N, C-alpha and C. Protein backbone atom coordinates (compact mmCIF):
# COMPACT_ATOMS: atom_id res chain seq x y z
N MET A 1 0.83 -1.21 0.00
CA MET A 1 0.00 0.00 0.00
C MET A 1 0.87 1.26 0.00
N GLU A 2 1.88 1.24 0.86
CA GLU A 2 2.75 2.41 0.97
C GLU A 2 3.51 2.65 -0.33
N GLU A 3 4.00 1.56 -0.93
CA GLU A 3 4.74 1.67 -2.19
C GLU A 3 3.82 2.16 -3.31
N PHE A 4 2.59 1.68 -3.31
CA PHE A 4 1.60 2.11 -4.30
C PHE A 4 1.36 3.61 -4.19
N LEU A 5 1.19 4.10 -2.95
CA LEU A 5 0.96 5.53 -2.74
C LEU A 5 2.17 6.35 -3.16
N ARG A 6 3.37 5.82 -2.94
CA ARG A 6 4.57 6.54 -3.36
C ARG A 6 4.64 6.67 -4.88
N GLN A 7 4.29 5.59 -5.57
CA GLN A 7 4.39 5.59 -7.02
C GLN A 7 3.28 6.39 -7.70
N TYR A 8 2.05 6.19 -7.24
CA TYR A 8 0.90 6.76 -7.95
C TYR A 8 0.23 7.92 -7.21
N GLY A 9 0.68 8.20 -6.00
CA GLY A 9 0.10 9.30 -5.24
C GLY A 9 0.18 10.64 -5.95
N PRO A 10 1.36 11.02 -6.50
CA PRO A 10 1.45 12.31 -7.19
C PRO A 10 0.51 12.41 -8.39
N VAL A 11 0.34 11.31 -9.12
CA VAL A 11 -0.58 11.31 -10.26
C VAL A 11 -2.01 11.51 -9.76
N GLY A 12 -2.38 10.81 -8.69
CA GLY A 12 -3.71 10.96 -8.10
C GLY A 12 -3.96 12.38 -7.61
N ILE A 13 -2.94 12.98 -7.00
CA ILE A 13 -3.07 14.37 -6.52
C ILE A 13 -3.23 15.32 -7.69
N PHE A 14 -2.44 15.11 -8.75
CA PHE A 14 -2.55 15.95 -9.95
C PHE A 14 -3.97 15.89 -10.52
N LEU A 15 -4.47 14.67 -10.73
CA LEU A 15 -5.82 14.50 -11.29
C LEU A 15 -6.89 15.00 -10.32
N GLY A 16 -6.71 14.68 -9.04
CA GLY A 16 -7.68 15.12 -8.04
C GLY A 16 -7.75 16.62 -7.92
N ALA A 17 -6.59 17.29 -7.96
CA ALA A 17 -6.56 18.75 -7.87
C ALA A 17 -7.24 19.38 -9.07
N GLY A 18 -7.11 18.73 -10.22
CA GLY A 18 -7.69 19.28 -11.43
C GLY A 18 -9.18 19.05 -11.56
N PHE A 19 -9.64 17.87 -11.15
CA PHE A 19 -11.02 17.50 -11.43
C PHE A 19 -11.91 17.41 -10.19
N GLU A 20 -11.36 16.99 -9.08
CA GLU A 20 -12.20 16.78 -7.89
C GLU A 20 -12.16 17.97 -6.95
N GLY A 21 -10.98 18.47 -6.68
CA GLY A 21 -10.88 19.61 -5.78
C GLY A 21 -9.94 19.35 -4.63
N GLN A 22 -10.26 19.96 -3.50
CA GLN A 22 -9.31 20.01 -2.39
C GLN A 22 -9.11 18.71 -1.61
N SER A 23 -10.04 17.76 -1.70
CA SER A 23 -9.90 16.53 -0.90
C SER A 23 -8.61 15.78 -1.22
N ALA A 24 -8.30 15.65 -2.52
CA ALA A 24 -7.08 14.95 -2.93
C ALA A 24 -5.84 15.69 -2.45
N VAL A 25 -5.90 17.02 -2.42
CA VAL A 25 -4.76 17.81 -2.00
C VAL A 25 -4.56 17.71 -0.49
N ILE A 26 -5.65 17.72 0.25
CA ILE A 26 -5.57 17.54 1.70
C ILE A 26 -4.98 16.16 2.01
N LEU A 27 -5.42 15.15 1.28
CA LEU A 27 -4.87 13.80 1.46
C LEU A 27 -3.37 13.79 1.15
N GLY A 28 -2.97 14.53 0.10
CA GLY A 28 -1.55 14.62 -0.23
C GLY A 28 -0.74 15.22 0.91
N GLY A 29 -1.27 16.27 1.54
CA GLY A 29 -0.59 16.87 2.69
C GLY A 29 -0.49 15.90 3.85
N PHE A 30 -1.56 15.12 4.04
CA PHE A 30 -1.56 14.09 5.08
C PHE A 30 -0.46 13.06 4.82
N LEU A 31 -0.36 12.60 3.56
CA LEU A 31 0.66 11.62 3.20
C LEU A 31 2.07 12.20 3.32
N ALA A 32 2.21 13.50 3.07
CA ALA A 32 3.52 14.14 3.23
C ALA A 32 3.93 14.15 4.69
N ARG A 33 2.97 14.38 5.59
CA ARG A 33 3.29 14.37 7.02
C ARG A 33 3.68 12.99 7.51
N GLN A 34 3.13 11.96 6.87
CA GLN A 34 3.47 10.59 7.24
C GLN A 34 4.75 10.11 6.55
N HIS A 35 5.43 11.00 5.82
CA HIS A 35 6.67 10.73 5.11
C HIS A 35 6.50 9.66 4.02
N ILE A 36 5.30 9.57 3.48
CA ILE A 36 5.05 8.65 2.38
C ILE A 36 5.34 9.38 1.06
N LEU A 37 5.01 10.66 1.00
CA LEU A 37 5.32 11.51 -0.16
C LEU A 37 6.11 12.71 0.32
N HIS A 38 6.93 13.27 -0.56
CA HIS A 38 7.64 14.50 -0.24
C HIS A 38 6.68 15.68 -0.33
N LEU A 39 6.81 16.61 0.60
CA LEU A 39 5.92 17.77 0.64
C LEU A 39 6.02 18.59 -0.65
N TRP A 40 7.23 18.80 -1.15
CA TRP A 40 7.41 19.60 -2.37
C TRP A 40 6.73 18.92 -3.56
N LEU A 41 6.73 17.57 -3.58
CA LEU A 41 6.10 16.84 -4.68
C LEU A 41 4.58 16.99 -4.64
N VAL A 42 4.02 16.97 -3.44
CA VAL A 42 2.57 17.17 -3.27
C VAL A 42 2.19 18.57 -3.73
N LEU A 43 2.96 19.58 -3.30
CA LEU A 43 2.69 20.97 -3.70
C LEU A 43 2.78 21.14 -5.21
N LEU A 44 3.79 20.53 -5.82
CA LEU A 44 3.98 20.64 -7.27
C LEU A 44 2.84 19.96 -8.02
N ALA A 45 2.46 18.74 -7.60
CA ALA A 45 1.39 18.00 -8.27
C ALA A 45 0.05 18.74 -8.14
N ALA A 46 -0.23 19.26 -6.95
CA ALA A 46 -1.50 19.97 -6.72
C ALA A 46 -1.55 21.26 -7.51
N THR A 47 -0.46 22.02 -7.52
CA THR A 47 -0.42 23.27 -8.26
C THR A 47 -0.57 23.02 -9.76
N ALA A 48 0.17 22.03 -10.26
CA ALA A 48 0.12 21.73 -11.69
C ALA A 48 -1.26 21.22 -12.11
N GLY A 49 -1.84 20.31 -11.32
CA GLY A 49 -3.16 19.77 -11.66
C GLY A 49 -4.21 20.85 -11.72
N SER A 50 -4.24 21.69 -10.71
CA SER A 50 -5.22 22.77 -10.68
C SER A 50 -4.97 23.77 -11.79
N GLY A 51 -3.74 24.19 -11.96
CA GLY A 51 -3.41 25.20 -12.96
C GLY A 51 -3.66 24.74 -14.38
N VAL A 52 -3.24 23.52 -14.70
CA VAL A 52 -3.39 23.01 -16.07
C VAL A 52 -4.87 22.83 -16.43
N VAL A 53 -5.64 22.18 -15.56
CA VAL A 53 -7.05 21.93 -15.88
C VAL A 53 -7.82 23.25 -15.98
N ASP A 54 -7.57 24.18 -15.07
CA ASP A 54 -8.27 25.46 -15.13
C ASP A 54 -7.88 26.27 -16.36
N HIS A 55 -6.62 26.14 -16.79
CA HIS A 55 -6.22 26.82 -18.02
C HIS A 55 -6.91 26.20 -19.24
N LEU A 56 -7.04 24.88 -19.25
CA LEU A 56 -7.75 24.22 -20.35
C LEU A 56 -9.22 24.64 -20.40
N LEU A 57 -9.84 24.79 -19.22
CA LEU A 57 -11.23 25.25 -19.17
C LEU A 57 -11.34 26.69 -19.68
N PHE A 58 -10.36 27.51 -19.33
CA PHE A 58 -10.32 28.89 -19.83
C PHE A 58 -10.23 28.89 -21.36
N VAL A 59 -9.34 28.07 -21.90
CA VAL A 59 -9.18 27.98 -23.36
C VAL A 59 -10.47 27.49 -24.01
N ALA A 60 -11.15 26.54 -23.36
CA ALA A 60 -12.44 26.06 -23.89
C ALA A 60 -13.44 27.20 -23.98
N GLY A 61 -13.51 28.03 -22.94
CA GLY A 61 -14.41 29.17 -22.96
C GLY A 61 -14.02 30.21 -24.00
N ARG A 62 -12.73 30.37 -24.21
CA ARG A 62 -12.24 31.39 -25.14
C ARG A 62 -12.33 30.95 -26.60
N ARG A 63 -11.98 29.69 -26.88
CA ARG A 63 -11.85 29.23 -28.27
C ARG A 63 -12.99 28.36 -28.77
N PHE A 64 -13.70 27.71 -27.87
CA PHE A 64 -14.71 26.74 -28.30
C PHE A 64 -16.08 27.07 -27.72
N ARG A 65 -16.48 28.32 -27.82
CA ARG A 65 -17.74 28.78 -27.23
C ARG A 65 -18.96 28.07 -27.78
N SER A 66 -18.90 27.64 -29.02
CA SER A 66 -20.08 27.02 -29.63
C SER A 66 -20.13 25.51 -29.43
N HIS A 67 -19.11 24.93 -28.81
CA HIS A 67 -19.13 23.49 -28.56
C HIS A 67 -20.23 23.17 -27.55
N ARG A 68 -20.92 22.06 -27.75
CA ARG A 68 -22.09 21.74 -26.91
C ARG A 68 -21.73 21.64 -25.43
N TRP A 69 -20.52 21.15 -25.12
CA TRP A 69 -20.12 21.03 -23.72
C TRP A 69 -19.98 22.41 -23.08
N VAL A 70 -19.39 23.36 -23.82
CA VAL A 70 -19.22 24.72 -23.31
C VAL A 70 -20.58 25.42 -23.22
N VAL A 71 -21.42 25.23 -24.25
CA VAL A 71 -22.76 25.82 -24.24
C VAL A 71 -23.55 25.33 -23.04
N ARG A 72 -23.46 24.02 -22.75
CA ARG A 72 -24.17 23.45 -21.60
C ARG A 72 -23.65 24.06 -20.30
N ALA A 73 -22.33 24.27 -20.20
CA ALA A 73 -21.76 24.88 -19.00
C ALA A 73 -22.25 26.31 -18.82
N THR A 74 -22.40 27.05 -19.92
CA THR A 74 -22.84 28.45 -19.82
C THR A 74 -24.31 28.57 -19.43
N GLN A 75 -25.07 27.49 -19.54
CA GLN A 75 -26.49 27.53 -19.17
C GLN A 75 -26.73 27.23 -17.69
N GLN A 76 -25.68 26.87 -16.97
CA GLN A 76 -25.81 26.55 -15.55
C GLN A 76 -25.90 27.84 -14.72
N PRO A 77 -26.64 27.80 -13.60
CA PRO A 77 -26.72 28.99 -12.73
C PRO A 77 -25.35 29.45 -12.22
N ALA A 78 -24.43 28.50 -11.99
CA ALA A 78 -23.10 28.86 -11.49
C ALA A 78 -22.37 29.76 -12.48
N PHE A 79 -22.62 29.57 -13.76
CA PHE A 79 -21.96 30.38 -14.78
C PHE A 79 -22.35 31.85 -14.65
N ALA A 80 -23.64 32.09 -14.49
CA ALA A 80 -24.13 33.48 -14.33
C ALA A 80 -23.56 34.11 -13.06
N ARG A 81 -23.49 33.34 -11.98
CA ARG A 81 -22.91 33.86 -10.74
C ARG A 81 -21.44 34.21 -10.95
N ALA A 82 -20.72 33.32 -11.64
CA ALA A 82 -19.30 33.57 -11.90
C ALA A 82 -19.11 34.84 -12.73
N LEU A 83 -19.94 35.04 -13.75
CA LEU A 83 -19.83 36.25 -14.58
C LEU A 83 -20.05 37.51 -13.75
N GLY A 84 -21.01 37.44 -12.83
CA GLY A 84 -21.27 38.59 -11.96
C GLY A 84 -20.06 38.95 -11.12
N PHE A 85 -19.40 37.94 -10.55
CA PHE A 85 -18.19 38.18 -9.75
C PHE A 85 -17.06 38.72 -10.62
N ILE A 86 -16.92 38.17 -11.83
CA ILE A 86 -15.83 38.60 -12.71
C ILE A 86 -15.98 40.06 -13.09
N GLU A 87 -17.22 40.48 -13.35
CA GLU A 87 -17.45 41.88 -13.72
C GLU A 87 -17.09 42.83 -12.58
N LYS A 88 -17.38 42.43 -11.33
CA LYS A 88 -17.11 43.30 -10.18
C LYS A 88 -15.65 43.23 -9.72
N TYR A 89 -15.10 42.01 -9.66
CA TYR A 89 -13.77 41.81 -9.08
C TYR A 89 -12.91 40.93 -10.00
N PRO A 90 -12.53 41.39 -11.17
CA PRO A 90 -11.86 40.50 -12.13
C PRO A 90 -10.54 39.90 -11.63
N ILE A 91 -9.73 40.68 -10.95
CA ILE A 91 -8.42 40.16 -10.51
C ILE A 91 -8.57 39.29 -9.27
N SER A 92 -9.22 39.81 -8.24
CA SER A 92 -9.33 39.04 -7.00
C SER A 92 -10.17 37.77 -7.20
N TYR A 93 -11.18 37.83 -8.05
CA TYR A 93 -11.99 36.64 -8.30
C TYR A 93 -11.19 35.56 -9.04
N THR A 94 -10.37 35.97 -10.00
CA THR A 94 -9.54 35.01 -10.72
C THR A 94 -8.56 34.32 -9.78
N LEU A 95 -8.09 35.04 -8.79
CA LEU A 95 -7.20 34.44 -7.79
C LEU A 95 -7.94 33.50 -6.84
N ALA A 96 -9.21 33.80 -6.55
CA ALA A 96 -9.91 33.13 -5.45
C ALA A 96 -10.99 32.14 -5.85
N PHE A 97 -11.33 31.99 -7.13
CA PHE A 97 -12.50 31.17 -7.48
C PHE A 97 -12.37 29.72 -7.04
N ARG A 98 -11.15 29.21 -6.90
CA ARG A 98 -10.96 27.82 -6.48
C ARG A 98 -11.49 27.58 -5.06
N PHE A 99 -11.56 28.63 -4.28
CA PHE A 99 -12.00 28.50 -2.90
C PHE A 99 -13.52 28.59 -2.75
N ILE A 100 -14.23 28.90 -3.83
CA ILE A 100 -15.68 29.12 -3.76
C ILE A 100 -16.40 27.86 -4.22
N PHE A 101 -17.11 27.23 -3.30
CA PHE A 101 -17.80 25.97 -3.59
C PHE A 101 -18.85 26.17 -4.69
N GLY A 102 -18.85 25.26 -5.64
CA GLY A 102 -19.85 25.28 -6.70
C GLY A 102 -19.49 26.11 -7.92
N LEU A 103 -18.39 26.85 -7.86
CA LEU A 103 -18.00 27.70 -8.99
C LEU A 103 -16.68 27.29 -9.61
N ARG A 104 -16.12 26.19 -9.16
CA ARG A 104 -14.78 25.77 -9.57
C ARG A 104 -14.69 25.53 -11.08
N VAL A 105 -15.62 24.78 -11.67
CA VAL A 105 -15.54 24.46 -13.09
C VAL A 105 -16.06 25.61 -13.94
N ALA A 106 -17.13 26.24 -13.50
CA ALA A 106 -17.75 27.31 -14.29
C ALA A 106 -16.86 28.54 -14.41
N SER A 107 -16.08 28.83 -13.38
CA SER A 107 -15.32 30.09 -13.35
C SER A 107 -14.31 30.25 -14.47
N PRO A 108 -13.40 29.29 -14.70
CA PRO A 108 -12.45 29.51 -15.78
C PRO A 108 -13.11 29.59 -17.16
N ILE A 109 -14.20 28.85 -17.35
CA ILE A 109 -14.93 28.96 -18.62
C ILE A 109 -15.53 30.36 -18.75
N ALA A 110 -16.13 30.84 -17.66
CA ALA A 110 -16.72 32.18 -17.66
C ALA A 110 -15.66 33.25 -17.91
N ILE A 111 -14.51 33.11 -17.30
CA ILE A 111 -13.42 34.08 -17.53
C ILE A 111 -13.00 34.03 -19.00
N GLY A 112 -13.01 32.83 -19.58
CA GLY A 112 -12.65 32.68 -20.98
C GLY A 112 -13.56 33.41 -21.94
N VAL A 113 -14.84 33.51 -21.61
CA VAL A 113 -15.76 34.20 -22.53
C VAL A 113 -15.77 35.72 -22.32
N THR A 114 -15.08 36.20 -21.29
CA THR A 114 -15.01 37.65 -21.04
C THR A 114 -13.83 38.25 -21.81
N GLN A 115 -13.59 39.52 -21.57
CA GLN A 115 -12.49 40.23 -22.24
C GLN A 115 -11.18 40.17 -21.45
N VAL A 116 -11.11 39.36 -20.40
CA VAL A 116 -9.87 39.25 -19.63
C VAL A 116 -8.77 38.72 -20.56
N PRO A 117 -7.64 39.44 -20.68
CA PRO A 117 -6.57 38.98 -21.59
C PRO A 117 -6.00 37.63 -21.14
N THR A 118 -5.60 36.82 -22.11
CA THR A 118 -5.05 35.49 -21.82
C THR A 118 -3.82 35.59 -20.94
N TRP A 119 -2.93 36.56 -21.21
CA TRP A 119 -1.70 36.67 -20.42
C TRP A 119 -2.02 36.96 -18.97
N ARG A 120 -3.06 37.80 -18.72
CA ARG A 120 -3.42 38.13 -17.34
C ARG A 120 -4.00 36.91 -16.63
N PHE A 121 -4.89 36.19 -17.32
CA PHE A 121 -5.45 34.98 -16.70
C PHE A 121 -4.34 33.99 -16.38
N THR A 122 -3.39 33.81 -17.31
CA THR A 122 -2.32 32.84 -17.11
C THR A 122 -1.52 33.15 -15.85
N ILE A 123 -1.14 34.41 -15.68
CA ILE A 123 -0.37 34.80 -14.49
C ILE A 123 -1.20 34.60 -13.22
N LEU A 124 -2.44 35.09 -13.23
CA LEU A 124 -3.30 34.96 -12.04
C LEU A 124 -3.66 33.51 -11.77
N ASN A 125 -3.81 32.72 -12.82
CA ASN A 125 -4.12 31.30 -12.65
C ASN A 125 -2.98 30.57 -11.95
N ILE A 126 -1.75 30.84 -12.37
CA ILE A 126 -0.59 30.20 -11.74
C ILE A 126 -0.51 30.63 -10.27
N LEU A 127 -0.62 31.93 -10.03
CA LEU A 127 -0.55 32.43 -8.65
C LEU A 127 -1.68 31.85 -7.79
N GLY A 128 -2.89 31.84 -8.33
CA GLY A 128 -4.04 31.28 -7.60
C GLY A 128 -3.86 29.81 -7.31
N ALA A 129 -3.31 29.07 -8.29
CA ALA A 129 -3.08 27.62 -8.09
C ALA A 129 -2.06 27.38 -6.98
N VAL A 130 -1.01 28.21 -6.94
CA VAL A 130 0.01 28.07 -5.88
C VAL A 130 -0.61 28.34 -4.51
N ILE A 131 -1.40 29.42 -4.39
CA ILE A 131 -2.04 29.76 -3.11
C ILE A 131 -2.99 28.65 -2.68
N TRP A 132 -3.83 28.19 -3.61
CA TRP A 132 -4.82 27.14 -3.30
C TRP A 132 -4.14 25.84 -2.90
N ALA A 133 -3.14 25.42 -3.69
CA ALA A 133 -2.45 24.16 -3.41
C ALA A 133 -1.72 24.22 -2.07
N THR A 134 -1.08 25.34 -1.78
CA THR A 134 -0.36 25.48 -0.51
C THR A 134 -1.32 25.45 0.67
N THR A 135 -2.45 26.13 0.55
CA THR A 135 -3.44 26.18 1.63
C THR A 135 -3.93 24.78 1.99
N PHE A 136 -4.37 24.01 0.99
CA PHE A 136 -4.97 22.71 1.29
C PHE A 136 -3.93 21.63 1.55
N THR A 137 -2.75 21.75 0.96
CA THR A 137 -1.68 20.80 1.30
C THR A 137 -1.28 20.97 2.76
N MET A 138 -1.15 22.23 3.19
CA MET A 138 -0.76 22.46 4.58
C MET A 138 -1.88 22.08 5.55
N ALA A 139 -3.15 22.22 5.11
CA ALA A 139 -4.25 21.75 5.96
C ALA A 139 -4.14 20.24 6.18
N GLY A 140 -3.84 19.50 5.12
CA GLY A 140 -3.64 18.06 5.25
C GLY A 140 -2.41 17.72 6.09
N PHE A 141 -1.36 18.51 5.93
CA PHE A 141 -0.13 18.29 6.70
C PHE A 141 -0.40 18.49 8.19
N ILE A 142 -1.14 19.55 8.52
CA ILE A 142 -1.47 19.82 9.93
C ILE A 142 -2.38 18.73 10.48
N PHE A 143 -3.36 18.28 9.65
CA PHE A 143 -4.23 17.17 10.05
C PHE A 143 -3.38 15.92 10.29
N GLY A 144 -2.42 15.69 9.40
CA GLY A 144 -1.51 14.54 9.58
C GLY A 144 -0.69 14.64 10.84
N GLU A 145 -0.30 15.87 11.18
CA GLU A 145 0.45 16.10 12.43
C GLU A 145 -0.40 15.72 13.64
N ALA A 146 -1.69 16.10 13.58
CA ALA A 146 -2.60 15.77 14.69
C ALA A 146 -2.78 14.25 14.81
N VAL A 147 -2.96 13.58 13.66
CA VAL A 147 -3.11 12.12 13.67
C VAL A 147 -1.83 11.47 14.17
N HIS A 148 -0.70 11.99 13.71
CA HIS A 148 0.60 11.46 14.13
C HIS A 148 0.77 11.59 15.65
N GLY A 149 0.38 12.76 16.19
CA GLY A 149 0.47 12.96 17.63
C GLY A 149 -0.47 12.06 18.40
N LEU A 150 -1.63 11.79 17.83
CA LEU A 150 -2.63 10.93 18.48
C LEU A 150 -2.19 9.47 18.50
N LEU A 151 -1.63 9.02 17.39
CA LEU A 151 -1.26 7.60 17.28
C LEU A 151 0.13 7.29 17.82
N GLY A 152 0.95 8.30 17.96
CA GLY A 152 2.30 8.08 18.46
C GLY A 152 3.24 7.67 17.35
N LYS A 153 4.28 6.93 17.70
CA LYS A 153 5.31 6.54 16.73
C LYS A 153 5.36 5.02 16.62
N GLY A 154 6.14 4.58 15.63
CA GLY A 154 6.34 3.15 15.48
C GLY A 154 5.52 2.55 14.34
N HIS A 155 5.73 1.22 14.15
CA HIS A 155 5.09 0.49 13.05
C HIS A 155 3.57 0.50 13.19
N HIS A 156 3.10 0.35 14.43
CA HIS A 156 1.66 0.32 14.69
C HIS A 156 1.01 1.63 14.25
N ALA A 157 1.63 2.75 14.60
CA ALA A 157 1.09 4.07 14.24
C ALA A 157 1.11 4.27 12.73
N ARG A 158 2.17 3.80 12.08
CA ARG A 158 2.28 3.94 10.62
C ARG A 158 1.17 3.16 9.92
N ARG A 159 0.88 1.96 10.42
CA ARG A 159 -0.19 1.16 9.83
C ARG A 159 -1.53 1.87 9.97
N TRP A 160 -1.79 2.45 11.14
CA TRP A 160 -3.05 3.17 11.35
C TRP A 160 -3.12 4.43 10.49
N SER A 161 -1.98 5.08 10.27
CA SER A 161 -1.95 6.24 9.38
C SER A 161 -2.34 5.85 7.96
N LEU A 162 -1.84 4.69 7.52
CA LEU A 162 -2.21 4.22 6.18
C LEU A 162 -3.69 3.85 6.10
N ILE A 163 -4.23 3.31 7.19
CA ILE A 163 -5.66 2.99 7.22
C ILE A 163 -6.49 4.27 7.13
N VAL A 164 -6.07 5.31 7.88
CA VAL A 164 -6.76 6.60 7.81
C VAL A 164 -6.69 7.16 6.39
N ALA A 165 -5.50 7.09 5.78
CA ALA A 165 -5.35 7.58 4.40
C ALA A 165 -6.24 6.81 3.44
N GLY A 166 -6.28 5.48 3.60
CA GLY A 166 -7.14 4.65 2.75
C GLY A 166 -8.61 4.98 2.94
N ALA A 167 -9.01 5.24 4.18
CA ALA A 167 -10.40 5.60 4.45
C ALA A 167 -10.75 6.93 3.80
N ILE A 168 -9.81 7.88 3.83
CA ILE A 168 -10.05 9.17 3.19
C ILE A 168 -10.23 8.99 1.68
N VAL A 169 -9.39 8.14 1.07
CA VAL A 169 -9.50 7.87 -0.37
C VAL A 169 -10.87 7.28 -0.69
N VAL A 170 -11.32 6.32 0.11
CA VAL A 170 -12.62 5.68 -0.13
C VAL A 170 -13.76 6.69 0.02
N VAL A 171 -13.71 7.50 1.07
CA VAL A 171 -14.76 8.51 1.28
C VAL A 171 -14.80 9.51 0.13
N VAL A 172 -13.62 9.98 -0.30
CA VAL A 172 -13.56 10.93 -1.42
C VAL A 172 -14.13 10.29 -2.69
N ALA A 173 -13.76 9.03 -2.94
CA ALA A 173 -14.27 8.33 -4.14
C ALA A 173 -15.79 8.19 -4.09
N ILE A 174 -16.33 7.88 -2.92
CA ILE A 174 -17.79 7.75 -2.79
C ILE A 174 -18.48 9.09 -3.01
N ILE A 175 -17.95 10.15 -2.40
CA ILE A 175 -18.54 11.48 -2.56
C ILE A 175 -18.50 11.89 -4.03
N TRP A 176 -17.36 11.67 -4.69
CA TRP A 176 -17.24 12.03 -6.10
C TRP A 176 -18.24 11.25 -6.94
N ALA A 177 -18.37 9.93 -6.68
CA ALA A 177 -19.29 9.10 -7.45
C ALA A 177 -20.74 9.55 -7.25
N VAL A 178 -21.11 9.86 -6.01
CA VAL A 178 -22.49 10.31 -5.72
C VAL A 178 -22.76 11.64 -6.43
N ARG A 179 -21.82 12.58 -6.35
CA ARG A 179 -21.99 13.86 -7.02
C ARG A 179 -22.11 13.68 -8.53
N TYR A 180 -21.29 12.80 -9.08
CA TYR A 180 -21.34 12.53 -10.53
C TYR A 180 -22.69 11.95 -10.93
N LEU A 181 -23.18 10.98 -10.16
CA LEU A 181 -24.47 10.35 -10.47
C LEU A 181 -25.62 11.35 -10.31
N LEU A 182 -25.56 12.19 -9.29
CA LEU A 182 -26.62 13.19 -9.10
C LEU A 182 -26.64 14.20 -10.25
N ARG A 183 -25.45 14.59 -10.72
CA ARG A 183 -25.38 15.52 -11.84
C ARG A 183 -25.95 14.91 -13.11
N ARG A 184 -25.70 13.64 -13.30
CA ARG A 184 -26.19 12.97 -14.51
C ARG A 184 -27.71 12.78 -14.48
N ARG A 185 -28.28 12.70 -13.28
CA ARG A 185 -29.72 12.49 -13.16
C ARG A 185 -30.52 13.76 -13.33
N LYS A 186 -29.85 14.94 -13.22
CA LYS A 186 -30.56 16.21 -13.37
C LYS A 186 -31.07 16.32 -14.79
N PRO A 187 -32.34 16.70 -14.96
CA PRO A 187 -32.86 16.88 -16.32
C PRO A 187 -32.23 18.10 -16.99
N ALA A 188 -32.05 17.99 -18.29
CA ALA A 188 -31.49 19.13 -19.04
C ALA A 188 -32.46 20.28 -19.01
N PRO A 189 -31.97 21.53 -18.91
CA PRO A 189 -32.88 22.67 -18.87
C PRO A 189 -33.67 22.78 -20.18
N GLU A 190 -34.95 23.05 -20.03
CA GLU A 190 -35.78 23.18 -21.22
C GLU A 190 -35.52 24.52 -21.87
N THR A 191 -35.41 24.48 -23.19
CA THR A 191 -35.21 25.72 -23.92
C THR A 191 -36.51 26.14 -24.57
N ALA A 192 -36.75 27.42 -24.54
CA ALA A 192 -37.98 27.94 -25.12
C ALA A 192 -37.93 27.81 -26.64
N PRO A 193 -39.03 27.48 -27.28
CA PRO A 193 -39.01 27.37 -28.74
C PRO A 193 -38.77 28.73 -29.39
N GLU A 194 -38.03 28.68 -30.49
CA GLU A 194 -37.73 29.94 -31.20
C GLU A 194 -38.96 30.45 -31.91
N ILE A 195 -39.16 31.76 -31.89
CA ILE A 195 -40.28 32.39 -32.57
C ILE A 195 -39.76 33.10 -33.81
N ASN A 196 -40.23 32.70 -34.96
CA ASN A 196 -39.75 33.30 -36.22
C ASN A 196 -40.61 34.49 -36.60
């Protein structure tokens, strides 16, 4: 289990940071505290995953506005909320949207359809990804410190740390699966018929 986490943990953190959100990054910080992963590797994987995926979503909003996936995203209530924030606070919102529940995916697409220059989004996206990844990695690291203090030292404590990490992975997977299934069950918004 430990060897598996060492080999594939950074990949999981990269994908989790990009698609799922902070749970994978918190878990990465926890694993760093247990000396299963290096802290710098967790920070790098989390920053890269978040930054790359959000940049791709921005490009989708900027270059592929008529694609059905982008059109569907623009019809969600979160998209309208994101546009409202972007109009009022373009710089601070671009830095902070990762921290706002429910706006994570819609925000970079919404920024892409606005007049925010690509170079500005790129710089703010990198900076925002670093801040976000550091915040949640350190939250996991501190949580790991608390678990480490509770369980003590030695082989027994290490085994329990791995069990806690495994339980977190299972809980995150279940939450992600339930959210995915609930999203798929939502009926598509009805569009009003066109009047010629």
